[in-house]
């Protein structure tokens, strides 16, 4: 009798676990991708070594049509940035 009740409890428990697992299974949330940022070395920045990212961003926005810019690299060059696909 003890074996029968243990089997019954186990069967009910496993059935409930399967029911819960299938009931809570949902389609995954859509993945929203952040836009990538593309970097291109500035063609118009002629200040030599880029020390001021604000100045670099102004050159990139006004003269090259980019969204912004920043100084980077060991040699400190001005890189213009925009969202790309």
Protein backbone atom coordinates (compact mmCIF):
# COMPACT_ATOMS: atom_id res chain seq x y z
CA UNK A 1 0.00 0.00 0.00
CA UNK A 2 2.86 2.36 0.83
CA UNK A 3 4.44 1.76 -2.62
CA UNK A 4 1.16 2.52 -4.36
CA UNK A 5 0.66 5.85 -2.56
CA UNK A 6 4.28 6.86 -3.20
CA UNK A 7 3.83 6.13 -6.92
CA UNK A 8 0.57 8.05 -6.99
CA UNK A 9 2.10 11.08 -5.28
CA UNK A 10 5.09 10.96 -7.65
CA UNK A 11 2.84 10.70 -10.71
CA UNK A 12 0.69 13.62 -9.55
CA UNK A 13 3.77 15.71 -8.77
CA UNK A 14 5.33 15.06 -12.19
CA UNK A 15 2.03 15.79 -13.92
CA UNK A 16 1.74 19.11 -12.09
CA UNK A 17 5.33 20.01 -12.97
CA UNK A 18 4.66 19.32 -16.65
CA UNK A 19 1.46 21.31 -16.54
CA UNK A 20 3.18 24.30 -14.96
CA UNK A 21 6.12 24.09 -17.37
CA UNK A 22 3.91 24.06 -20.46
CA UNK A 23 1.51 26.70 -19.13
CA UNK A 24 4.26 29.23 -18.42
CA UNK A 25 6.04 28.70 -21.72
CA UNK A 26 5.60 31.86 -23.78
CA UNK A 27 7.11 33.28 -26.88
CA UNK A 28 10.27 35.21 -26.15
CA UNK A 29 10.10 38.98 -25.93
CA UNK A 30 11.20 40.70 -29.12
CA UNK A 31 14.84 41.66 -29.08
CA UNK A 32 15.35 45.38 -29.51
CA UNK A 33 18.73 45.99 -31.02
CA UNK A 34 20.58 49.13 -30.15
CA UNK A 35 21.78 50.99 -33.22
CA UNK A 36 25.45 50.40 -33.89
CA UNK A 37 27.82 53.35 -33.91
CA UNK A 38 30.08 53.71 -36.92
CA UNK A 39 33.39 55.55 -36.58
CA UNK A 40 35.26 57.24 -39.43
CA UNK A 41 38.43 59.25 -39.12
CA UNK A 42 37.75 62.92 -39.77
CA UNK A 43 38.91 64.35 -43.07
CA UNK A 44 38.58 67.99 -41.98
CA UNK A 45 40.09 67.96 -38.49
CA UNK A 46 43.43 69.68 -38.98
CA UNK A 47 44.32 70.44 -35.39
CA UNK A 48 47.08 67.82 -35.30
CA UNK A 49 46.71 65.74 -32.16
CA UNK A 50 43.08 65.59 -31.02
CA UNK A 51 42.92 66.70 -27.40
CA UNK A 52 39.39 68.11 -27.24
CA UNK A 53 36.53 65.74 -28.14
CA UNK A 54 34.06 68.66 -28.13
CA UNK A 55 36.02 70.43 -30.87
CA UNK A 56 36.23 67.16 -32.81
CA UNK A 57 32.44 66.67 -32.53
CA UNK A 58 31.78 70.20 -33.81
CA UNK A 59 33.99 69.63 -36.87
CA UNK A 60 32.28 66.30 -37.55
CA UNK A 61 28.74 67.73 -37.22
CA UNK A 62 29.17 70.99 -39.11
CA UNK A 63 31.65 70.11 -41.85
CA UNK A 64 31.23 66.39 -42.40
CA UNK A 65 27.53 65.75 -41.67
CA UNK A 66 28.04 63.24 -38.86
CA UNK A 67 26.15 63.09 -35.56
CA UNK A 68 29.19 63.63 -33.37
CA UNK A 69 32.82 62.83 -32.84
CA UNK A 70 35.48 62.02 -30.27
CA UNK A 71 39.24 61.75 -29.87
CA UNK A 72 40.64 58.25 -29.65
CA UNK A 73 43.66 56.10 -30.19
CA UNK A 74 47.26 56.26 -29.05
CA UNK A 75 48.04 59.03 -31.55
CA UNK A 76 44.75 60.84 -30.60
CA UNK A 77 42.94 61.26 -33.89
CA UNK A 78 39.48 62.74 -34.38
CA UNK A 79 36.85 60.14 -35.28
CA UNK A 80 33.39 61.11 -36.48
CA UNK A 81 30.43 59.00 -35.35
CA UNK A 82 26.94 58.19 -36.60
CA UNK A 83 24.36 55.45 -36.08
CA UNK A 84 24.69 52.89 -38.83
CA UNK A 85 22.70 49.84 -39.87
